Amino acid sequence: MAIERFTISRNDDDYEAFPSLCRTRAGRIILVYRESNGHVASEYCRLILRHSDDGGLTWSQRRLFRDEDRASGTLNTWNCPKVQQLEDGRILLLCDRYDFPPGEWGHGMGNAGIVLWFSDDDGETWSDAQPTTVNGICPDQVTELADGRWLLPTNVYHEETGQCLQQIAVSHDGGSRWDAPAVICDDLDYRLAEVSIIACPDGELVAYLREESGRRLPLQKMISKNGGESWDGPYDTLNPAAQGMPVAGLTQDGLVMTTGRYALQSDWRVDMSAATMQRRLDRRSVVVPRVPANEDFVARFTPSPGIVFTDDEVVMATGCGTAHTFAFLEPLESALEADVRQQKGLLLPLDLDRNNLGADSGYTGWVETEPGRFLVVNYINDDAPMAQIRGYRFGLDDF
């Protein structure tokens, strides 16, 4: 069967991005995403909720969950939300929050922290915000272990090396208090971040990680056989979609599916004219404040046609490439296999963002709506002037 692609939300005045999905035991599908002015929220941001009670065929009206602007000079920024149903039946929504400026780069990453909300009624009402001591950006959802521990991964900045590292914090009391986090890999040959963890039936944990060292490595993974106390790896996988946050999970058939982004490391389009480059810059999709906390990050860049420095900010053009979204399917034994030569898998292309001014896509969420049938959500510019939320329906027989 052909993959069914459809629009869930499109507002050409807002940049709708970073969606996350969960399917509750009652059958409701809850969607959360962020609205802002660009890939980087530099002027305003909102967290939006929608839900579907018919397997994603129709969706509720947009529901405003958080609404922030920069009227005071500093934007209270919500970044990458995640939503899930906990073992006790409650719905957990979590999100990283930071001030802009400085934003999420360099030493400024240290001002980011994770906030939790809980719902007892399938997302109809929510608790007050519960700030945590967990710092960092781009969280995964919570992984609940059989012994009651919660694992919460985030990305943090290493002050000495300048690396963005993946850390995991542990809570023993359902998220009220958190132990000091541990970095799962600090090998300088890798740049591992934006993890997605699956808990396997026999207790092993597999952590899939974005890899951005510039060596064009495939998606990487770490494996723990002691509940996250220690991790082996990193190991190569067969999955090439390693340039964005992976979202991995177990299917009802016991397979492992991972959705994510692939992008060539090449800032080139057929149209690289000065006029088009200026239109890309005018979108102001990526803006970095020039403040002391960002000095290390800003020092990596030099002025170019696609990067403009002013006295107080750096503006970067997006759209100088294409973004591909894939689903990858493998047997559980392959997920647990360290040797890539012994792994197996299938790669399914879901979408391509061709937008010449702002190709940006591939942060996803997915649920299994019925055995062997899947709903994926993705943000993508494509035929819209701003990013939109798009859905995809397909089955195991499409791989």
Protein backbone atom coordinates (compact mmCIF):
# COMPACT_ATOMS: atom_id res chain seq x y z
CA MET A 1 0.00 0.00 0.00
CA ALA A 2 1.13 3.57 -0.65
CA ILE A 3 2.08 5.73 2.32
CA GLU A 4 -0.77 8.12 3.09
CA ARG A 5 0.45 11.69 3.68
CA PHE A 6 -1.86 14.36 5.08
CA THR A 7 -1.81 17.72 6.84
CA ILE A 8 -2.64 17.79 10.54
CA SER A 9 -1.96 21.49 11.14
CA ARG A 10 -0.83 24.30 8.87
CA ASN A 11 -0.82 28.00 9.72
CA ASP A 12 1.34 30.01 7.36
CA ASP A 13 1.93 32.65 10.06
CA ASP A 14 3.50 30.22 12.55
CA TYR A 15 6.39 27.78 12.47
CA GLU A 16 4.85 24.54 13.77
CA ALA A 17 7.52 22.05 14.78
CA PHE A 18 8.90 19.33 17.09
CA PRO A 19 5.78 17.15 17.43
CA SER A 20 5.36 14.25 19.86
CA LEU A 21 2.59 11.63 20.05
CA CYS A 22 1.20 9.13 22.51
CA ARG A 23 -1.73 6.72 22.27
CA THR A 24 -3.49 6.18 25.58
CA ARG A 25 -5.03 2.94 26.77
CA ALA A 26 -8.45 4.44 26.09
CA GLY A 27 -7.45 4.84 22.42
CA ARG A 28 -7.00 8.61 22.42
CA ILE A 29 -4.00 9.95 20.52
CA ILE A 30 -2.47 13.07 22.07
CA LEU A 31 -0.29 15.39 19.97
CA VAL A 32 1.91 18.17 21.33
CA TYR A 33 4.08 20.53 19.29
CA ARG A 34 5.56 24.03 19.37
CA GLU A 35 4.55 27.15 17.48
CA SER A 36 7.13 29.90 17.06
CA ASN A 37 8.60 32.35 14.58
CA GLY A 38 11.23 29.93 13.23
CA HIS A 39 13.31 26.84 13.86
CA VAL A 40 14.75 28.84 16.72
CA ALA A 41 12.11 30.57 18.82
CA SER A 42 13.56 34.07 19.10
CA GLU A 43 10.38 36.20 19.24
CA TYR A 44 7.57 34.02 20.64
CA CYS A 45 6.71 30.40 21.32
CA ARG A 46 3.64 28.39 22.26
CA LEU A 47 3.03 24.78 23.22
CA ILE A 48 -0.03 23.39 21.41
CA LEU A 49 -2.13 20.32 22.19
CA ARG A 50 -4.49 18.43 19.90
CA HIS A 51 -6.07 15.00 20.22
CA SER A 52 -7.76 12.38 18.06
CA ASP A 53 -10.31 9.81 19.21
CA ASP A 54 -10.55 7.99 15.86
CA GLY A 55 -7.02 6.77 15.26
CA GLY A 56 -5.75 10.04 13.78
CA LEU A 57 -8.40 10.41 11.07
CA THR A 58 -9.67 13.68 12.57
CA TRP A 59 -8.18 16.04 15.14
CA SER A 60 -9.49 18.40 17.78
CA GLN A 61 -9.11 22.13 17.50
CA ARG A 62 -5.77 23.66 18.46
CA ARG A 63 -5.49 24.04 22.24
CA LEU A 64 -3.06 26.61 23.65
CA PHE A 65 -1.05 25.06 26.51
CA ARG A 66 1.72 27.65 26.98
CA ASP A 67 2.08 31.10 25.40
CA GLU A 68 5.25 33.21 25.65
CA ASP A 69 6.66 36.30 23.94
CA ARG A 70 9.74 38.49 24.18
CA ALA A 71 7.98 41.67 25.28
CA SER A 72 10.18 41.87 28.39
CA GLY A 73 13.37 41.45 26.34
CA THR A 74 13.81 37.79 27.34
CA LEU A 75 11.78 34.94 25.86
CA ASN A 76 10.76 32.12 28.20
CA THR A 77 11.38 29.46 25.56
CA TRP A 78 9.71 26.05 25.37
CA ASN A 79 11.68 23.85 23.00
CA CYS A 80 11.12 20.11 22.38
CA PRO A 81 8.03 18.70 24.15
CA LYS A 82 7.41 15.00 24.74
CA VAL A 83 4.16 13.27 25.74
CA GLN A 84 3.64 9.69 26.99
CA GLN A 85 1.39 7.52 29.15
CA LEU A 86 3.00 6.26 32.34
CA GLU A 87 2.60 2.77 33.76
CA ASP A 88 0.18 4.13 36.39
CA GLY A 89 -2.08 5.51 33.64
CA ARG A 90 -1.26 9.19 34.02
CA ILE A 91 -0.21 11.23 30.99
CA LEU A 92 3.16 12.94 31.32
CA LEU A 93 4.07 15.97 29.23
CA LEU A 94 7.62 17.25 29.61
CA CYS A 95 9.60 19.98 27.88
CA ASP A 96 12.94 21.74 28.09
CA ARG A 97 12.78 25.45 28.96
CA TYR A 98 15.47 28.14 28.65
CA ASP A 99 15.86 31.89 28.39
CA PHE A 100 16.46 33.52 25.02
CA PRO A 101 18.94 35.19 25.16
CA PRO A 102 21.23 33.38 25.62
CA GLY A 103 19.32 30.48 24.04
CA GLU A 104 20.40 26.86 23.72
CA TRP A 105 24.02 27.17 22.56
CA GLY A 106 27.40 26.89 24.25
CA HIS A 107 27.47 27.87 27.91
CA GLY A 108 23.91 29.11 27.51
CA MET A 109 22.77 25.48 27.45
CA GLY A 110 23.36 25.47 31.18
CA ASN A 111 20.30 27.67 31.73
CA ALA A 112 17.98 25.02 30.23
CA GLY A 113 15.90 22.81 32.51
CA ILE A 114 13.12 20.22 32.25
CA VAL A 115 9.55 20.89 33.39
CA LEU A 116 6.85 18.23 33.94
CA TRP A 117 3.04 18.28 33.81
CA PHE A 118 0.67 15.39 34.62
CA SER A 119 -2.88 14.56 33.54
CA ASP A 120 -5.26 12.02 35.14
CA ASP A 121 -7.96 12.31 32.46
CA ASP A 122 -6.32 11.58 29.09
CA GLY A 123 -5.09 15.14 28.65
CA GLU A 124 -8.32 17.01 29.39
CA THR A 125 -6.81 18.80 32.40
CA TRP A 126 -3.22 19.14 33.60
CA SER A 127 -1.37 19.69 36.85
CA ASP A 128 0.63 22.80 37.61
CA ALA A 129 4.09 22.90 36.09
CA GLN A 130 6.64 20.88 38.07
CA PRO A 131 10.18 22.18 37.49
CA THR A 132 12.99 19.67 37.94
CA THR A 133 16.69 19.87 38.71
CA VAL A 134 17.46 18.15 35.39
CA ASN A 135 19.23 20.57 33.06
CA GLY A 136 19.84 20.32 29.31
CA ILE A 137 17.88 20.46 26.09
CA CYS A 138 16.07 18.11 23.67
CA PRO A 139 14.85 15.53 26.21
CA ASP A 140 13.72 12.02 25.42
CA GLN A 141 10.57 10.80 27.11
CA VAL A 142 10.96 9.16 30.51
CA THR A 143 11.96 5.49 30.51
CA GLU A 144 10.30 3.62 33.39
CA LEU A 145 12.21 0.62 34.72
CA ALA A 146 10.85 -2.46 36.48
CA ASP A 147 12.45 -1.40 39.78
CA GLY A 148 10.52 1.90 39.72
CA ARG A 149 13.34 4.15 38.56
CA TRP A 150 12.77 6.80 35.89
CA LEU A 151 15.49 7.64 33.36
CA LEU A 152 15.39 11.11 31.78
CA PRO A 153 17.97 11.91 29.07
CA THR A 154 18.94 15.44 27.99
CA ASN A 155 21.76 17.11 26.06
CA VAL A 156 24.30 19.21 27.95
CA TYR A 157 27.38 21.29 27.13
CA HIS A 158 30.82 20.08 28.19
CA GLU A 159 32.64 23.14 29.47
CA GLU A 160 36.15 21.87 28.65
CA THR A 161 35.69 20.27 25.22
CA GLY A 162 32.74 22.25 23.88
CA GLN A 163 30.95 19.01 23.05
CA CYS A 164 27.22 18.55 23.24
CA LEU A 165 26.91 15.39 25.36
CA GLN A 166 24.08 13.01 26.21
CA GLN A 167 23.38 12.67 29.91
CA ILE A 168 20.79 10.63 31.81
CA ALA A 169 19.29 11.61 35.16
CA VAL A 170 17.56 9.09 37.46
CA SER A 171 14.55 9.56 39.75
CA HIS A 172 13.54 7.04 42.42
CA ASP A 173 10.27 8.76 43.40
CA GLY A 174 8.30 9.39 40.21
CA GLY A 175 10.02 12.59 39.15
CA SER A 176 9.98 14.62 42.38
CA ARG A 177 13.74 14.37 42.99
CA TRP A 178 16.57 13.52 40.60
CA ASP A 179 20.06 12.14 41.15
CA ALA A 180 23.04 13.86 39.61
CA PRO A 181 23.09 12.84 35.92
CA ALA A 182 25.73 10.71 34.23
CA VAL A 183 27.08 11.14 30.70
CA ILE A 184 26.75 7.88 28.77
CA CYS A 185 29.56 8.55 26.24
CA ASP A 186 32.24 11.25 26.30
CA ASP A 187 34.48 9.79 23.57
CA LEU A 188 35.91 12.80 21.71
CA ASP A 189 35.71 10.89 18.41
CA TYR A 190 31.92 11.12 18.57
CA ARG A 191 29.30 13.85 18.94
CA LEU A 192 26.37 11.93 20.38
CA ALA A 193 23.13 13.65 21.36
CA GLU A 194 19.34 13.53 21.13
CA VAL A 195 18.79 10.01 22.36
CA SER A 196 15.79 7.70 22.18
CA ILE A 197 15.78 4.75 24.59
CA ILE A 198 13.85 1.50 24.25
CA ALA A 199 13.36 -0.90 27.16
CA CYS A 200 13.57 -4.48 25.90
CA PRO A 201 11.41 -7.33 27.26
CA ASP A 202 14.32 -9.00 29.07
CA GLY A 203 15.50 -5.78 30.72
CA GLU A 204 18.17 -4.55 28.33
CA LEU A 205 18.13 -0.90 27.26
CA VAL A 206 19.10 0.30 23.79
CA ALA A 207 19.82 4.00 23.32
CA TYR A 208 19.81 5.33 19.75
CA LEU A 209 21.72 8.60 19.33
CA ARG A 210 22.12 11.34 16.76
CA GLU A 211 25.75 11.51 15.56
CA GLU A 212 27.15 14.84 14.34
CA SER A 213 30.94 14.56 14.37
CA GLY A 214 30.98 15.36 10.66
CA ARG A 215 32.26 11.89 9.71
CA ARG A 216 28.88 10.90 8.24
CA LEU A 217 28.45 7.96 10.58
CA PRO A 218 25.13 6.13 10.72
CA LEU A 219 22.82 6.35 13.70
CA GLN A 220 24.73 5.17 16.76
CA LYS A 221 23.54 3.10 19.69
CA MET A 222 24.58 2.29 23.24
CA ILE A 223 23.44 -0.84 25.07
CA SER A 224 22.94 -1.33 28.82
CA LYS A 225 22.38 -4.70 30.47
CA ASN A 226 22.16 -3.38 34.04
CA GLY A 227 19.31 -0.92 33.97
CA GLY A 228 21.34 2.05 32.77
CA GLU A 229 24.05 1.79 35.43
CA SER A 230 26.62 1.44 32.64
CA TRP A 231 26.54 1.51 28.85
CA ASP A 232 28.50 -0.30 26.15
CA GLY A 233 29.26 1.28 22.78
CA PRO A 234 28.83 3.33 20.76
CA TYR A 235 28.04 0.91 17.95
CA ASP A 236 27.20 1.58 14.32
CA THR A 237 23.70 0.73 13.12
CA LEU A 238 22.42 0.15 9.58
CA ASN A 239 20.24 3.25 9.85
CA PRO A 240 21.65 6.26 7.92
CA ALA A 241 19.09 8.72 9.36
CA ALA A 242 21.40 10.16 12.02
CA GLN A 243 21.08 13.93 11.56
CA GLY A 244 18.11 14.54 13.85
CA MET A 245 16.50 13.18 16.98
CA PRO A 246 15.59 9.49 16.52
CA VAL A 247 12.29 8.27 17.95
CA ALA A 248 12.45 4.53 18.65
CA GLY A 249 9.93 2.10 20.09
CA LEU A 250 8.78 -1.50 20.17
CA THR A 251 5.91 -2.54 17.92
CA GLN A 252 3.21 -4.96 19.03
CA ASP A 253 4.98 -7.62 16.94
CA GLY A 254 8.16 -7.16 18.98
CA LEU A 255 10.04 -5.31 16.23
CA VAL A 256 11.93 -2.03 16.72
CA MET A 257 10.93 0.98 14.63
CA THR A 258 12.90 4.22 14.57
CA THR A 259 11.89 7.39 12.75
CA GLY A 260 14.31 10.21 12.06
CA ARG A 261 16.05 12.59 9.68
CA TYR A 262 18.74 12.24 7.05
CA ALA A 263 20.43 15.26 5.49
CA LEU A 264 23.48 15.59 3.28
CA GLN A 265 26.30 17.58 4.81
CA SER A 266 26.28 20.00 1.91
CA ASP A 267 24.95 23.56 1.92
CA TRP A 268 24.19 23.73 -1.78
CA ARG A 269 21.12 24.17 -3.93
CA VAL A 270 20.75 24.75 -7.66
CA ASP A 271 19.64 28.28 -6.81
CA MET A 272 22.41 29.85 -4.71
CA SER A 273 21.88 33.37 -6.00
CA ALA A 274 22.43 36.36 -3.74
CA ALA A 275 18.74 37.28 -3.98
CA THR A 276 17.58 33.83 -2.87
CA MET A 277 20.16 33.71 -0.07
CA GLN A 278 18.86 37.04 1.19
CA ARG A 279 15.32 35.66 1.21
CA ARG A 280 16.55 32.73 3.27
CA LEU A 281 18.21 35.08 5.75
CA ASP A 282 15.12 37.30 5.91
CA ARG A 283 13.15 34.36 7.33
CA ARG A 284 15.30 34.63 10.51
CA SER A 285 14.69 30.97 11.20
CA VAL A 286 17.96 30.52 13.12
CA VAL A 287 19.07 33.45 15.29
CA VAL A 288 21.89 33.24 17.86
CA PRO A 289 22.30 36.12 20.36
CA ARG A 290 25.85 37.42 20.66
CA VAL A 291 26.19 37.23 24.44
CA PRO A 292 29.11 35.92 26.54
CA ALA A 293 27.43 32.55 27.12
CA ASN A 294 27.48 31.91 23.36
CA GLU A 295 31.05 32.99 22.60
CA ASP A 296 32.33 29.44 22.07
CA PHE A 297 29.46 28.55 19.75
CA VAL A 298 29.66 31.76 17.70
CA ALA A 299 33.44 31.33 17.32
CA ARG A 300 32.83 28.26 15.15
CA PHE A 301 31.38 30.39 12.36
CA THR A 302 32.73 33.01 10.01
CA PRO A 303 30.70 35.49 7.97
CA SER A 304 29.54 34.02 4.65
CA PRO A 305 26.64 34.48 2.23
CA GLY A 306 24.52 32.28 4.51
CA ILE A 307 25.71 33.62 7.90
CA VAL A 308 25.40 37.28 8.85
CA PHE A 309 26.93 38.82 11.99
CA THR A 310 25.52 41.97 13.57
CA ASP A 311 26.55 43.64 16.83
CA ASP A 312 24.08 41.61 18.86
CA GLU A 313 23.20 38.46 16.90
CA VAL A 314 24.13 35.91 14.25
CA VAL A 315 21.50 35.05 11.64
CA MET A 316 21.88 31.78 9.73
CA ALA A 317 20.09 30.90 6.51
CA THR A 318 18.21 27.62 6.35
CA GLY A 319 17.12 25.88 3.18
CA CYS A 320 20.61 25.35 1.73
CA GLY A 321 19.95 21.63 1.49
CA THR A 322 17.17 19.06 1.64
CA ALA A 323 15.84 17.11 4.61
CA HIS A 324 14.64 13.51 4.34
CA THR A 325 12.45 11.66 6.85
CA PHE A 326 12.71 7.88 7.17
CA ALA A 327 11.30 5.00 9.19
CA PHE A 328 13.68 2.14 9.95
CA LEU A 329 12.52 -1.31 11.03
CA GLU A 330 14.61 -4.11 12.56
CA PRO A 331 14.15 -7.27 14.62
CA LEU A 332 14.75 -6.97 18.35
CA GLU A 333 17.79 -9.22 18.11
CA SER A 334 19.30 -6.76 15.62
CA ALA A 335 18.72 -3.86 18.01
CA LEU A 336 20.66 -5.79 20.67
CA GLU A 337 23.47 -6.77 18.25
CA ALA A 338 26.70 -4.78 18.58
CA ASP A 339 28.26 -5.98 15.31
CA VAL A 340 26.71 -4.04 12.42
CA ARG A 341 27.56 -6.94 10.09
CA GLN A 342 25.11 -9.11 12.02
CA GLN A 343 22.31 -6.55 12.08
CA LYS A 344 19.23 -6.52 9.84
CA GLY A 345 16.81 -3.82 8.86
CA LEU A 346 14.56 -2.13 6.35
CA LEU A 347 14.46 1.58 5.47
CA LEU A 348 11.22 3.27 4.40
CA PRO A 349 11.31 6.84 2.95
CA LEU A 350 8.44 8.88 4.37
CA ASP A 351 8.99 12.39 3.02
CA LEU A 352 11.37 14.88 1.44
CA ASP A 353 11.46 18.59 2.26
CA ARG A 354 12.33 20.35 -0.99
CA ASN A 355 11.66 23.88 0.24
CA ASN A 356 14.30 26.10 -1.38
CA LEU A 357 14.05 28.78 1.31
CA GLY A 358 13.73 26.71 4.46
CA ALA A 359 13.97 22.93 4.14
CA ASP A 360 13.64 21.72 7.71
CA SER A 361 12.02 18.45 8.74
CA GLY A 362 12.46 15.08 10.40
CA TYR A 363 11.70 15.51 14.10
CA THR A 364 8.94 13.00 14.55
CA GLY A 365 6.62 11.09 16.83
CA TRP A 366 4.76 7.84 16.17
CA VAL A 367 2.21 5.42 17.57
CA GLU A 368 0.82 2.05 16.50
CA THR A 369 -2.88 2.65 15.88
CA GLU A 370 -3.68 -1.05 15.45
CA PRO A 371 -1.47 -4.11 15.12
CA GLY A 372 0.97 -3.51 12.26
CA ARG A 373 -0.42 -0.05 11.36
CA PHE A 374 1.37 3.17 12.25
CA LEU A 375 0.75 6.90 12.47
CA VAL A 376 3.81 9.16 12.26
CA VAL A 377 3.80 12.93 12.79
CA ASN A 378 6.52 15.13 11.41
CA TYR A 379 7.18 18.82 10.93
CA ILE A 380 8.10 19.95 7.44
CA ASN A 381 8.26 23.15 5.37
CA ASP A 382 7.90 21.64 1.89
CA ASP A 383 5.05 23.48 0.10
CA ALA A 384 4.38 25.93 2.96
CA PRO A 385 6.10 29.23 3.79
CA MET A 386 6.44 28.11 7.42
CA ALA A 387 6.79 24.66 8.94
CA GLN A 388 3.62 22.58 9.22
CA ILE A 389 2.67 19.36 11.02
CA ARG A 390 2.16 16.49 8.60
CA GLY A 391 0.93 12.96 9.25
CA TYR A 392 1.76 9.61 7.61
CA ARG A 393 -0.12 6.32 7.75
CA PHE A 394 1.46 3.03 6.70
CA GLY A 395 1.88 -0.57 7.77
CA LEU A 396 4.47 -3.30 8.18
CA ASP A 397 3.66 -4.41 4.65
CA ASP A 398 5.00 -1.10 3.32
CA PHE A 399 8.57 -1.90 4.37
